[in-house]
Amino acid sequence: MLPYKFYLRRFVWPVSSAVSRKAGSQSADKIVVLRPAACFFLFRSHKLWLESVNNKKNSRGIIHWTSEEDDLLGTMPDKKLARRLKRSYDAVAARRLNKGIPPCNPKRKSWRPEDDKVLGTRPDDQIALLLRRTVASIKNRRRKLGIRSKRARLSRPWTKNEDQLLGTRPDPELAHKLGRGLQSIRSRRRKLGVQAAPLDKAWTPRELKLLGTMPDKDVARLIGRGCATVRFHRYELGLPPCNPVWKPWTEKDLALLGKFTDAKVAARTGHPAGSVKMQRCKLGIRCCDSKRRPWLPEEDDLLGKFSDREVSRQTQRTFAAVRTRRIAHGLAEPAAGK
């Protein structure tokens, strides 16, 4: 508790001579008398506030919660209530959670019984527009109440011609032809009691003649089969694929592999550089490197007689190249044996 003299020094200022001349001695005396009275009022109010705070504290110095403060929990946001009660935000939030009071969110709309009745009667996106809520909020509330969603019916009705086609072809091919889903085809066929057509339909001579004459995708689209089915059947018959971009390898092109670099072979034969490299590796042909210098018999004789550093200096080759060449010949380095 601060002494009364502190408030007197803090809030009483000397009256200027100009004010004393204008107000006169009587007004000046009143001014001097009124200011100590105001300081005493502040001193008294501060003392009463400290006494109320001390009354709320226990022996450990903890401020007890009153019934009036508990009644305010949940009526306003925790931050606003903390400023009003002069308590910390964590203390207000912890007290509210201990009491089991839900938080107050002005932006959150509470669910009414009439809102719950609308759930499931329309699609979620339509109900969200009707109730001015988000689609996620509609889904969460509907799932919490155990209400099934009503999806919008976007499928077109079945015609008599479409019903007559059921069972004449496999379901995947019929779904592709009619522009419907596979599950829709199966459900409609089972509803009408129509047996499914076998998938392993026999190949006709006309379909076999088309294999290899055009890309597999075009053949599959023309005969109404899957692309994987067409590719597998062509592979079983040993027919090469038809690719307008792909160019077959000739004996003349294969003779150039390894004699020139892959880039030069690709420029001469018209094959991509990646295709040239793949074909060369497939045949086990080493690449041609213009910067690579072949090993001479005189250089091979130096391996194993001198250290790799010395052979590298005499042959003007890298240390790694000398070491790799020596290991390939099964020779040991003299310096390592000592």
Foldseek 3Di string as FASTA:
>chain_A
DDDLVVLVVVFDDDDDPVCCVVCDPVVNVVVNVVRSVVSVVVVVVVVVVVVVQVVQQDPVGDGHDDPVLVVCQQVAALVVSCVVVVHDSVVSVVVCVVVVHDHHDPVDDDDDPVLVVCQQVAALVVSCVVVVHDSVVSVVVCVVVVHDHDDDDPDDDDDPVLLVCQQVAALVLSCVVVVHDSVVSVVSCVVVVHDHHDHCDDDDPVLVVCQQVAALVVSCVVVSHDSVVSVVVSVVVVHDHDDPVDDDDDPVLVVCAQVAALVVSCVVPVNDSVVSVVVCVVVPHDGDDPPDDDDDPVLVVCQQVAALVVSCVVVVHDSVVSVVVNVVVVHDHVVVVD
